[in-house]
Amino acid sequence: MKPGPVLIKKYGNRRLYDSSHSQYVNLDDIAAFIREGREVKVVDAKTGHDLTRVTLTQIITEDAKDKPTGLPLELLRQLIVASDEVRQQFVMWYLKSAFDTYQKLQDTVQSRLGQVESAILSPGDLMKKFLGAASPAPRHADAEPELDALRRRVAELEARLEKSARPHPVPRKPVPRKPRPPKQKGRV
């Protein structure tokens, strides 16, 4: 079961209160909730106005302080200049498009890494999948006699191989005979 949204109340003294867990939190805690996949809603404690967008933007800017990466300066300047609604919609569309592209790229990279990992872990399975995906060539009626002849030939070769693999009887060596003394001539 997915946990419910985390309701954060923001007070005038800039304190953030997690009403679902009855404790004070900071921006890092809210960022952690979001990274865990939890839905976060920040509201003004007095008026009830939704401050989620402002708070999430604040988390991003606080995070950008520590790192030289972040949004390019020119884009930040354009965000400030874009004060009318049309420009803001364009910027939001641009950011959403960039994020969607980034997400697709991440998904593709993860998918490819998963394929590489499975190929490394089980190359035999990969070959089975590859060979199983290849469809066999269609059979032709005139190929049947040739196929039968090849099967017979393979069976003959297997029989020969089995026969040659059996142990051969050891040939007997002739027993040497004792030489007979030569017969003498002339003696009776």
N, C-alpha and C. Protein backbone atom coordinates (compact mmCIF):
# COMPACT_ATOMS: atom_id res chain seq x y z
N MET A 1 0.84 -1.18 0.00
CA MET A 1 0.00 0.00 0.00
C MET A 1 0.88 1.24 0.00
N LYS A 2 0.58 2.16 -0.90
CA LYS A 2 1.38 3.38 -1.02
C LYS A 2 1.03 4.31 0.14
N PRO A 3 2.06 4.86 0.83
CA PRO A 3 1.77 5.77 1.93
C PRO A 3 1.12 7.05 1.41
N GLY A 4 0.29 7.65 2.24
CA GLY A 4 -0.41 8.87 1.86
C GLY A 4 0.55 10.03 1.71
N PRO A 5 0.02 11.14 1.19
CA PRO A 5 0.88 12.32 1.01
C PRO A 5 1.32 12.89 2.35
N VAL A 6 2.51 13.47 2.34
CA VAL A 6 3.04 14.10 3.54
C VAL A 6 2.58 15.56 3.51
N LEU A 7 1.89 15.99 4.54
CA LEU A 7 1.40 17.36 4.61
C LEU A 7 2.35 18.16 5.49
N ILE A 8 2.96 19.18 4.88
CA ILE A 8 3.90 20.05 5.59
C ILE A 8 3.24 21.42 5.74
N LYS A 9 3.25 21.92 6.95
CA LYS A 9 2.72 23.26 7.20
C LYS A 9 3.91 24.21 7.40
N LYS A 10 3.85 25.34 6.69
CA LYS A 10 4.92 26.33 6.80
C LYS A 10 4.40 27.50 7.62
N TYR A 11 5.13 27.80 8.69
CA TYR A 11 4.73 28.88 9.59
C TYR A 11 5.45 30.16 9.22
N GLY A 12 4.98 31.26 9.79
CA GLY A 12 5.54 32.59 9.51
C GLY A 12 7.01 32.71 9.86
N ASN A 13 7.47 31.94 10.83
CA ASN A 13 8.88 31.99 11.21
C ASN A 13 9.74 31.07 10.33
N ARG A 14 9.17 30.64 9.20
CA ARG A 14 9.85 29.78 8.20
C ARG A 14 10.05 28.34 8.69
N ARG A 15 9.45 27.97 9.77
CA ARG A 15 9.56 26.59 10.25
C ARG A 15 8.60 25.72 9.47
N LEU A 16 9.05 24.50 9.19
CA LEU A 16 8.26 23.52 8.44
C LEU A 16 7.86 22.40 9.39
N TYR A 17 6.57 22.09 9.44
CA TYR A 17 6.06 21.10 10.37
C TYR A 17 5.36 19.99 9.60
N ASP A 18 5.87 18.76 9.80
CA ASP A 18 5.27 17.58 9.17
C ASP A 18 4.10 17.14 10.06
N SER A 19 2.90 17.43 9.61
CA SER A 19 1.73 17.14 10.45
C SER A 19 1.40 15.65 10.49
N SER A 20 1.86 14.88 9.50
CA SER A 20 1.58 13.44 9.51
C SER A 20 2.46 12.69 10.51
N HIS A 21 3.65 13.22 10.80
CA HIS A 21 4.55 12.57 11.77
C HIS A 21 4.73 13.41 13.04
N SER A 22 4.06 14.54 13.10
CA SER A 22 4.12 15.45 14.26
C SER A 22 5.54 15.80 14.65
N GLN A 23 6.27 16.36 13.66
CA GLN A 23 7.65 16.79 13.93
C GLN A 23 8.05 17.89 12.96
N TYR A 24 9.03 18.68 13.39
CA TYR A 24 9.56 19.72 12.52
C TYR A 24 10.55 19.08 11.54
N VAL A 25 10.56 19.60 10.33
CA VAL A 25 11.45 19.09 9.29
C VAL A 25 12.16 20.26 8.62
N ASN A 26 13.17 19.93 7.82
CA ASN A 26 13.85 20.96 7.05
C ASN A 26 13.77 20.60 5.56
N LEU A 27 14.38 21.41 4.72
CA LEU A 27 14.31 21.18 3.28
C LEU A 27 14.94 19.84 2.88
N ASP A 28 16.00 19.46 3.56
CA ASP A 28 16.63 18.16 3.26
C ASP A 28 15.68 17.00 3.54
N ASP A 29 14.92 17.10 4.61
CA ASP A 29 13.94 16.05 4.93
C ASP A 29 12.87 15.97 3.84
N ILE A 30 12.41 17.12 3.37
CA ILE A 30 11.39 17.13 2.31
C ILE A 30 11.97 16.53 1.04
N ALA A 31 13.22 16.88 0.72
CA ALA A 31 13.88 16.29 -0.46
C ALA A 31 13.97 14.78 -0.32
N ALA A 32 14.26 14.30 0.88
CA ALA A 32 14.35 12.85 1.11
C ALA A 32 13.00 12.18 0.90
N PHE A 33 11.92 12.82 1.36
CA PHE A 33 10.58 12.27 1.13
C PHE A 33 10.32 12.11 -0.36
N ILE A 34 10.66 13.13 -1.11
CA ILE A 34 10.41 13.11 -2.56
C ILE A 34 11.25 12.04 -3.23
N ARG A 35 12.50 11.91 -2.83
CA ARG A 35 13.38 10.87 -3.41
C ARG A 35 12.88 9.46 -3.08
N GLU A 36 12.18 9.32 -1.96
CA GLU A 36 11.58 8.03 -1.60
C GLU A 36 10.32 7.74 -2.41
N GLY A 37 9.87 8.74 -3.19
CA GLY A 37 8.69 8.55 -4.00
C GLY A 37 7.41 8.98 -3.32
N ARG A 38 7.52 9.64 -2.19
CA ARG A 38 6.33 10.08 -1.46
C ARG A 38 5.84 11.41 -2.02
N GLU A 39 4.57 11.60 -1.99
CA GLU A 39 3.97 12.86 -2.43
C GLU A 39 4.03 13.85 -1.26
N VAL A 40 4.49 15.05 -1.55
CA VAL A 40 4.62 16.07 -0.51
C VAL A 40 3.78 17.28 -0.90
N LYS A 41 3.04 17.79 0.07
CA LYS A 41 2.28 19.02 -0.14
C LYS A 41 2.63 19.98 0.98
N VAL A 42 3.03 21.20 0.58
CA VAL A 42 3.40 22.23 1.56
C VAL A 42 2.34 23.33 1.49
N VAL A 43 1.79 23.66 2.65
CA VAL A 43 0.77 24.71 2.70
C VAL A 43 1.13 25.74 3.76
N ASP A 44 0.64 26.96 3.55
CA ASP A 44 0.82 28.02 4.54
C ASP A 44 -0.05 27.67 5.74
N ALA A 45 0.51 27.71 6.94
CA ALA A 45 -0.22 27.28 8.14
C ALA A 45 -1.42 28.18 8.43
N LYS A 46 -1.32 29.49 8.12
CA LYS A 46 -2.42 30.42 8.41
C LYS A 46 -3.48 30.40 7.32
N THR A 47 -3.04 30.57 6.07
CA THR A 47 -3.99 30.77 4.97
C THR A 47 -4.38 29.48 4.26
N GLY A 48 -3.55 28.46 4.32
CA GLY A 48 -3.82 27.21 3.62
C GLY A 48 -3.41 27.25 2.15
N HIS A 49 -2.76 28.34 1.71
CA HIS A 49 -2.31 28.43 0.31
C HIS A 49 -1.25 27.36 0.04
N ASP A 50 -1.29 26.84 -1.16
CA ASP A 50 -0.33 25.80 -1.57
C ASP A 50 1.03 26.44 -1.84
N LEU A 51 2.05 26.02 -1.11
CA LEU A 51 3.41 26.54 -1.26
C LEU A 51 4.36 25.44 -1.76
N THR A 52 3.81 24.36 -2.29
CA THR A 52 4.64 23.23 -2.72
C THR A 52 5.62 23.63 -3.81
N ARG A 53 5.14 24.32 -4.82
CA ARG A 53 5.99 24.72 -5.95
C ARG A 53 7.15 25.61 -5.48
N VAL A 54 6.85 26.56 -4.61
CA VAL A 54 7.87 27.48 -4.11
C VAL A 54 8.89 26.71 -3.27
N THR A 55 8.41 25.79 -2.45
CA THR A 55 9.31 25.02 -1.57
C THR A 55 10.22 24.11 -2.39
N LEU A 56 9.67 23.44 -3.40
CA LEU A 56 10.50 22.56 -4.24
C LEU A 56 11.54 23.37 -5.02
N THR A 57 11.16 24.56 -5.47
CA THR A 57 12.12 25.43 -6.16
C THR A 57 13.23 25.83 -5.18
N GLN A 58 12.85 26.09 -3.96
CA GLN A 58 13.83 26.46 -2.94
C GLN A 58 14.80 25.30 -2.69
N ILE A 59 14.29 24.07 -2.67
CA ILE A 59 15.15 22.89 -2.48
C ILE A 59 16.16 22.81 -3.63
N ILE A 60 15.70 23.04 -4.85
CA ILE A 60 16.59 22.98 -6.01
C ILE A 60 17.67 24.05 -5.92
N THR A 61 17.29 25.27 -5.55
CA THR A 61 18.28 26.35 -5.47
C THR A 61 19.26 26.12 -4.32
N GLU A 62 18.78 25.59 -3.20
CA GLU A 62 19.68 25.27 -2.09
C GLU A 62 20.68 24.20 -2.50
N ASP A 63 20.19 23.22 -3.25
CA ASP A 63 21.07 22.15 -3.73
C ASP A 63 22.10 22.68 -4.71
N ALA A 64 21.71 23.67 -5.52
CA ALA A 64 22.62 24.23 -6.52
C ALA A 64 23.73 25.07 -5.89
N LYS A 65 23.53 25.56 -4.66
CA LYS A 65 24.57 26.36 -3.98
C LYS A 65 25.85 25.56 -3.78
N ASP A 66 25.70 24.29 -3.43
CA ASP A 66 26.84 23.46 -3.08
C ASP A 66 27.58 22.91 -4.29
N LYS A 67 26.90 22.92 -5.44
CA LYS A 67 27.49 22.29 -6.62
C LYS A 67 27.59 23.30 -7.75
N PRO A 68 28.65 23.21 -8.54
CA PRO A 68 28.78 24.15 -9.65
C PRO A 68 27.80 23.86 -10.78
N THR A 69 27.18 22.67 -10.76
CA THR A 69 26.23 22.35 -11.80
C THR A 69 24.88 22.97 -11.48
N GLY A 70 23.96 22.85 -12.34
CA GLY A 70 22.64 23.42 -12.14
C GLY A 70 22.17 23.99 -13.45
N LEU A 71 21.19 24.84 -13.36
CA LEU A 71 20.67 25.44 -14.58
C LEU A 71 21.67 26.46 -15.12
N PRO A 72 21.80 26.54 -16.43
CA PRO A 72 22.72 27.52 -17.02
C PRO A 72 22.29 28.94 -16.68
N LEU A 73 23.26 29.83 -16.55
CA LEU A 73 22.96 31.21 -16.18
C LEU A 73 22.01 31.87 -17.16
N GLU A 74 22.22 31.63 -18.43
CA GLU A 74 21.35 32.28 -19.43
C GLU A 74 19.90 31.83 -19.25
N LEU A 75 19.69 30.55 -18.96
CA LEU A 75 18.33 30.07 -18.73
C LEU A 75 17.73 30.73 -17.49
N LEU A 76 18.54 30.88 -16.43
CA LEU A 76 18.05 31.54 -15.21
C LEU A 76 17.68 32.98 -15.51
N ARG A 77 18.49 33.65 -16.30
CA ARG A 77 18.18 35.04 -16.68
C ARG A 77 16.85 35.09 -17.45
N GLN A 78 16.68 34.14 -18.37
CA GLN A 78 15.45 34.12 -19.15
C GLN A 78 14.23 33.82 -18.27
N LEU A 79 14.43 33.00 -17.25
CA LEU A 79 13.33 32.73 -16.32
C LEU A 79 12.90 34.00 -15.60
N ILE A 80 13.87 34.84 -15.25
CA ILE A 80 13.55 36.09 -14.57
C ILE A 80 12.84 37.04 -15.53
N VAL A 81 13.34 37.09 -16.76
CA VAL A 81 12.73 37.98 -17.76
C VAL A 81 11.32 37.54 -18.10
N ALA A 82 11.08 36.23 -18.11
CA ALA A 82 9.78 35.69 -18.52
C ALA A 82 8.76 35.96 -17.42
N SER A 83 8.18 37.15 -17.44
CA SER A 83 7.24 37.49 -16.39
C SER A 83 5.80 37.32 -16.83
N ASP A 84 5.55 37.39 -18.11
CA ASP A 84 4.17 37.21 -18.53
C ASP A 84 3.85 35.73 -18.67
N GLU A 85 2.58 35.42 -18.71
CA GLU A 85 2.11 34.04 -18.68
C GLU A 85 2.56 33.22 -19.88
N VAL A 86 2.59 33.80 -21.07
CA VAL A 86 2.98 33.06 -22.28
C VAL A 86 4.44 32.61 -22.18
N ARG A 87 5.28 33.51 -21.74
CA ARG A 87 6.70 33.15 -21.60
C ARG A 87 6.88 32.08 -20.52
N GLN A 88 6.15 32.20 -19.45
CA GLN A 88 6.26 31.22 -18.38
C GLN A 88 5.80 29.84 -18.87
N GLN A 89 4.73 29.82 -19.65
CA GLN A 89 4.26 28.55 -20.20
C GLN A 89 5.30 27.95 -21.13
N PHE A 90 5.94 28.79 -21.94
CA PHE A 90 6.98 28.29 -22.83
C PHE A 90 8.13 27.70 -22.03
N VAL A 91 8.55 28.40 -21.01
CA VAL A 91 9.67 27.92 -20.20
C VAL A 91 9.29 26.61 -19.52
N MET A 92 8.06 26.52 -19.02
CA MET A 92 7.63 25.28 -18.36
C MET A 92 7.58 24.13 -19.38
N TRP A 93 7.08 24.43 -20.58
CA TRP A 93 7.06 23.41 -21.64
C TRP A 93 8.49 22.96 -21.96
N TYR A 94 9.40 23.93 -22.06
CA TYR A 94 10.79 23.62 -22.38
C TYR A 94 11.41 22.74 -21.29
N LEU A 95 11.20 23.10 -20.05
CA LEU A 95 11.77 22.32 -18.95
C LEU A 95 11.16 20.92 -18.89
N LYS A 96 9.86 20.82 -19.11
CA LYS A 96 9.21 19.50 -19.12
C LYS A 96 9.74 18.64 -20.25
N SER A 97 9.91 19.24 -21.44
CA SER A 97 10.45 18.49 -22.58
C SER A 97 11.87 18.01 -22.29
N ALA A 98 12.67 18.88 -21.71
CA ALA A 98 14.04 18.50 -21.38
C ALA A 98 14.05 17.37 -20.35
N PHE A 99 13.18 17.47 -19.36
CA PHE A 99 13.12 16.42 -18.35
C PHE A 99 12.63 15.11 -18.94
N ASP A 100 11.61 15.16 -19.79
CA ASP A 100 11.10 13.93 -20.42
C ASP A 100 12.19 13.26 -21.26
N THR A 101 12.95 14.05 -22.00
CA THR A 101 14.04 13.52 -22.80
C THR A 101 15.09 12.87 -21.89
N TYR A 102 15.42 13.55 -20.83
CA TYR A 102 16.38 13.01 -19.86
C TYR A 102 15.88 11.69 -19.28
N GLN A 103 14.59 11.64 -18.93
CA GLN A 103 14.01 10.43 -18.35
C GLN A 103 14.05 9.27 -19.34
N LYS A 104 13.72 9.53 -20.61
CA LYS A 104 13.77 8.49 -21.63
C LYS A 104 15.19 7.97 -21.80
N LEU A 105 16.15 8.88 -21.79
CA LEU A 105 17.55 8.49 -21.91
C LEU A 105 17.97 7.62 -20.74
N GLN A 106 17.56 8.00 -19.54
CA GLN A 106 17.88 7.21 -18.35
C GLN A 106 17.27 5.82 -18.45
N ASP A 107 16.01 5.74 -18.88
CA ASP A 107 15.35 4.44 -19.02
C ASP A 107 16.06 3.57 -20.05
N THR A 108 16.47 4.17 -21.16
CA THR A 108 17.18 3.42 -22.19
C THR A 108 18.51 2.90 -21.68
N VAL A 109 19.24 3.76 -20.97
CA VAL A 109 20.54 3.34 -20.42
C VAL A 109 20.34 2.20 -19.43
N GLN A 110 19.34 2.31 -18.55
CA GLN A 110 19.08 1.25 -17.57
C GLN A 110 18.71 -0.05 -18.26
N SER A 111 17.90 0.05 -19.31
CA SER A 111 17.50 -1.14 -20.06
C SER A 111 18.71 -1.81 -20.69
N ARG A 112 19.56 -1.01 -21.32
CA ARG A 112 20.76 -1.56 -21.97
C ARG A 112 21.70 -2.18 -20.94
N LEU A 113 21.85 -1.52 -19.80
CA LEU A 113 22.71 -2.07 -18.76
C LEU A 113 22.16 -3.41 -18.26
N GLY A 114 20.85 -3.49 -18.17
CA GLY A 114 20.23 -4.76 -17.75
C GLY A 114 20.49 -5.86 -18.77
N GLN A 115 20.45 -5.52 -20.05
CA GLN A 115 20.72 -6.52 -21.09
C GLN A 115 22.18 -6.96 -21.04
N VAL A 116 23.08 -6.00 -20.85
CA VAL A 116 24.51 -6.34 -20.78
C VAL A 116 24.77 -7.20 -19.56
N GLU A 117 24.15 -6.85 -18.45
CA GLU A 117 24.35 -7.63 -17.22
C GLU A 117 23.86 -9.06 -17.40
N SER A 118 22.69 -9.21 -18.00
CA SER A 118 22.18 -10.57 -18.19
C SER A 118 23.03 -11.34 -19.19
N ALA A 119 23.60 -10.65 -20.17
CA ALA A 119 24.46 -11.33 -21.14
C ALA A 119 25.75 -11.78 -20.47
N ILE A 120 26.26 -10.98 -19.55
CA ILE A 120 27.49 -11.34 -18.85
C ILE A 120 27.23 -12.51 -17.90
N LEU A 121 26.08 -12.47 -17.22
CA LEU A 121 25.79 -13.49 -16.23
C LEU A 121 25.41 -14.82 -16.86
N SER A 122 24.76 -14.80 -18.01
CA SER A 122 24.32 -16.07 -18.60
C SER A 122 24.44 -16.02 -20.13
N PRO A 123 25.65 -16.19 -20.65
CA PRO A 123 25.79 -16.16 -22.11
C PRO A 123 25.05 -17.31 -22.78
N GLY A 124 24.92 -18.43 -22.12
CA GLY A 124 24.20 -19.56 -22.70
C GLY A 124 22.73 -19.23 -22.90
N ASP A 125 22.12 -18.59 -21.90
CA ASP A 125 20.73 -18.19 -22.03
C ASP A 125 20.55 -17.17 -23.15
N LEU A 126 21.51 -16.26 -23.26
CA LEU A 126 21.43 -15.26 -24.32
C LEU A 126 21.45 -15.92 -25.68
N MET A 127 22.32 -16.91 -25.86
CA MET A 127 22.40 -17.60 -27.15
C MET A 127 21.11 -18.37 -27.42
N LYS A 128 20.54 -19.00 -26.38
CA LYS A 128 19.29 -19.72 -26.56
C LYS A 128 18.19 -18.77 -27.01
N LYS A 129 18.14 -17.59 -26.37
CA LYS A 129 17.13 -16.61 -26.76
C LYS A 129 17.36 -16.18 -28.21
N PHE A 130 18.61 -15.93 -28.53
CA PHE A 130 18.94 -15.47 -29.88
C PHE A 130 18.57 -16.53 -30.91
N LEU A 131 18.97 -17.77 -30.64
CA LEU A 131 18.69 -18.84 -31.59
C LEU A 131 17.22 -19.20 -31.61
N GLY A 132 16.55 -19.06 -30.48
CA GLY A 132 15.12 -19.34 -30.42
C GLY A 132 14.31 -18.30 -31.17
N ALA A 133 14.82 -17.08 -31.22
CA ALA A 133 14.10 -16.01 -31.91
C ALA A 133 14.19 -16.17 -33.42
N ALA A 134 15.26 -16.80 -33.89
CA ALA A 134 15.40 -16.99 -35.34
C ALA A 134 14.41 -18.05 -35.78
N SER A 135 13.62 -17.74 -36.75
CA SER A 135 12.62 -18.70 -37.21
C SER A 135 13.25 -19.68 -38.18
N PRO A 136 12.83 -20.95 -38.14
CA PRO A 136 13.41 -21.92 -39.04
C PRO A 136 13.00 -21.62 -40.49
N ALA A 137 13.86 -22.05 -41.40
CA ALA A 137 13.59 -21.81 -42.82
C ALA A 137 12.38 -22.64 -43.24
N PRO A 138 11.57 -22.12 -44.13
CA PRO A 138 10.40 -22.88 -44.56
C PRO A 138 10.82 -24.14 -45.31
N ARG A 139 10.07 -25.23 -45.12
CA ARG A 139 10.41 -26.49 -45.78
C ARG A 139 9.77 -26.52 -47.16
N HIS A 140 10.51 -27.12 -48.07
CA HIS A 140 10.01 -27.31 -49.43
C HIS A 140 9.83 -28.80 -49.65
N ALA A 141 8.84 -29.15 -50.42
CA ALA A 141 8.53 -30.56 -50.65
C ALA A 141 9.68 -31.28 -51.34
N ASP A 142 10.40 -30.58 -52.22
CA ASP A 142 11.50 -31.24 -52.92
C ASP A 142 12.75 -31.38 -52.05
N ALA A 143 12.76 -30.76 -50.89
CA ALA A 143 13.91 -30.87 -49.99
C ALA A 143 13.80 -32.08 -49.08
N GLU A 144 12.63 -32.68 -48.96
CA GLU A 144 12.43 -33.82 -48.07
C GLU A 144 13.34 -35.01 -48.39
N PRO A 145 13.45 -35.47 -49.66
CA PRO A 145 14.33 -36.60 -49.94
C PRO A 145 15.79 -36.29 -49.57
N GLU A 146 16.20 -35.08 -49.85
CA GLU A 146 17.57 -34.70 -49.53
C GLU A 146 17.78 -34.70 -48.02
N LEU A 147 16.79 -34.23 -47.28
CA LEU A 147 16.86 -34.22 -45.82
C LEU A 147 16.92 -35.63 -45.27
N ASP A 148 16.12 -36.54 -45.83
CA ASP A 148 16.16 -37.94 -45.40
C ASP A 148 17.51 -38.56 -45.68
N ALA A 149 18.10 -38.25 -46.84
CA ALA A 149 19.43 -38.79 -47.18
C ALA A 149 20.47 -38.28 -46.20
N LEU A 150 20.39 -37.01 -45.84
CA LEU A 150 21.34 -36.46 -44.87
C LEU A 150 21.17 -37.12 -43.50
N ARG A 151 19.94 -37.39 -43.11
CA ARG A 151 19.71 -38.06 -41.83
C ARG A 151 20.31 -39.46 -41.83
N ARG A 152 20.13 -40.19 -42.93
CA ARG A 152 20.72 -41.54 -43.02
C ARG A 152 22.24 -41.47 -42.94
N ARG A 153 22.81 -40.49 -43.64
CA ARG A 153 24.27 -40.35 -43.66
C ARG A 153 24.80 -40.04 -42.26
N VAL A 154 24.09 -39.16 -41.54
CA VAL A 154 24.49 -38.83 -40.16
C VAL A 154 24.39 -40.07 -39.28
N ALA A 155 23.35 -40.86 -39.45
CA ALA A 155 23.19 -42.09 -38.66
C ALA A 155 24.33 -43.07 -38.95
N GLU A 156 24.72 -43.19 -40.24
CA GLU A 156 25.84 -44.07 -40.60
C GLU A 156 27.14 -43.60 -39.94
N LEU A 157 27.37 -42.30 -40.01
CA LEU A 157 28.60 -41.76 -39.42
C LEU A 157 28.62 -41.95 -37.90
N GLU A 158 27.47 -41.79 -37.26
CA GLU A 158 27.41 -42.02 -35.82
C GLU A 158 27.69 -43.48 -35.49
N ALA A 159 27.16 -44.39 -36.31
CA ALA A 159 27.40 -45.82 -36.07
C ALA A 159 28.88 -46.14 -36.22
N ARG A 160 29.52 -45.57 -37.24
CA ARG A 160 30.96 -45.78 -37.43
C ARG A 160 31.75 -45.25 -36.25
N LEU A 161 31.35 -44.09 -35.80
CA LEU A 161 32.05 -43.47 -34.67
C LEU A 161 31.92 -44.33 -33.43
N GLU A 162 30.74 -44.86 -33.17
CA GLU A 162 30.53 -45.74 -32.02
C GLU A 162 31.38 -46.99 -32.16
N LYS A 163 31.41 -47.52 -33.37
CA LYS A 163 32.17 -48.74 -33.61
C LYS A 163 33.66 -48.51 -33.39
N SER A 164 34.15 -47.37 -33.86
CA SER A 164 35.59 -47.09 -33.70
C SER A 164 35.92 -46.72 -32.26
N ALA A 165 34.93 -46.31 -31.49
CA ALA A 165 35.17 -45.94 -30.10
C ALA A 165 35.23 -47.15 -29.19
N ARG A 166 34.69 -48.31 -29.65
CA ARG A 166 34.73 -49.53 -28.84
C ARG A 166 36.17 -50.01 -28.75
N PRO A 167 36.53 -50.62 -27.61
CA PRO A 167 37.91 -51.14 -27.50
C PRO A 167 38.11 -52.32 -28.43
N HIS A 168 39.21 -52.30 -29.12
CA HIS A 168 39.56 -53.39 -30.04
C HIS A 168 40.26 -54.49 -29.25
N PRO A 169 40.03 -55.75 -29.66
CA PRO A 169 40.74 -56.84 -28.97
C PRO A 169 42.23 -56.71 -29.26
N VAL A 170 43.01 -57.02 -28.25
CA VAL A 170 44.47 -56.93 -28.39
C VAL A 170 44.96 -58.13 -29.19
N PRO A 171 45.70 -57.92 -30.28
CA PRO A 171 46.18 -59.06 -31.07
C PRO A 171 47.18 -59.89 -30.27
N ARG A 172 47.10 -61.21 -30.47
CA ARG A 172 48.03 -62.10 -29.75
C ARG A 172 49.37 -62.13 -30.46
N LYS A 173 50.36 -62.11 -29.68
CA LYS A 173 51.70 -62.21 -30.25
C LYS A 173 52.02 -63.68 -30.44
N PRO A 174 52.67 -64.01 -31.53
CA PRO A 174 53.03 -65.42 -31.71
C PRO A 174 54.04 -65.85 -30.64
N VAL A 175 53.84 -67.05 -30.17
CA VAL A 175 54.74 -67.59 -29.15
C VAL A 175 56.01 -68.05 -29.86
N PRO A 176 57.15 -67.58 -29.43
CA PRO A 176 58.38 -68.01 -30.10
C PRO A 176 58.65 -69.49 -29.83
N ARG A 177 59.07 -70.21 -30.86
CA ARG A 177 59.38 -71.64 -30.73
C ARG A 177 60.87 -71.81 -30.50
N LYS A 178 61.14 -72.86 -29.82
CA LYS A 178 62.56 -73.16 -29.59
C LYS A 178 63.15 -73.70 -30.87
N PRO A 179 64.29 -73.23 -31.21
CA PRO A 179 64.90 -73.75 -32.45
C PRO A 179 65.30 -75.22 -32.27
N ARG A 180 65.09 -76.01 -33.32
CA ARG A 180 65.47 -77.42 -33.29
C ARG A 180 66.92 -77.55 -33.71
N PRO A 181 67.54 -78.43 -33.12
CA PRO A 181 68.93 -78.62 -33.57
C PRO A 181 68.94 -79.15 -35.01
N PRO A 182 69.88 -78.71 -35.76
CA PRO A 182 69.95 -79.16 -37.16
C PRO A 182 70.19 -80.66 -37.26
N LYS A 183 69.67 -81.25 -38.28
CA LYS A 183 69.85 -82.68 -38.50
C LYS A 183 71.22 -82.88 -39.08
N GLN A 184 71.83 -83.91 -38.64
CA GLN A 184 73.16 -84.20 -39.14
C GLN A 184 73.07 -85.18 -40.28
N LYS A 185 73.86 -84.99 -41.27
CA LYS A 185 73.84 -85.85 -42.43
C LYS A 185 74.91 -86.92 -42.27
N GLY A 186 74.62 -87.99 -42.75
CA GLY A 186 75.63 -89.05 -42.82
C GLY A 186 75.69 -89.91 -41.59
N ARG A 187 75.17 -89.74 -40.63
CA ARG A 187 75.21 -90.60 -39.46
C ARG A 187 73.96 -91.43 -39.39
N VAL A 188 74.18 -92.63 -39.02
CA VAL A 188 73.07 -93.54 -38.94
C VAL A 188 72.85 -93.93 -37.54
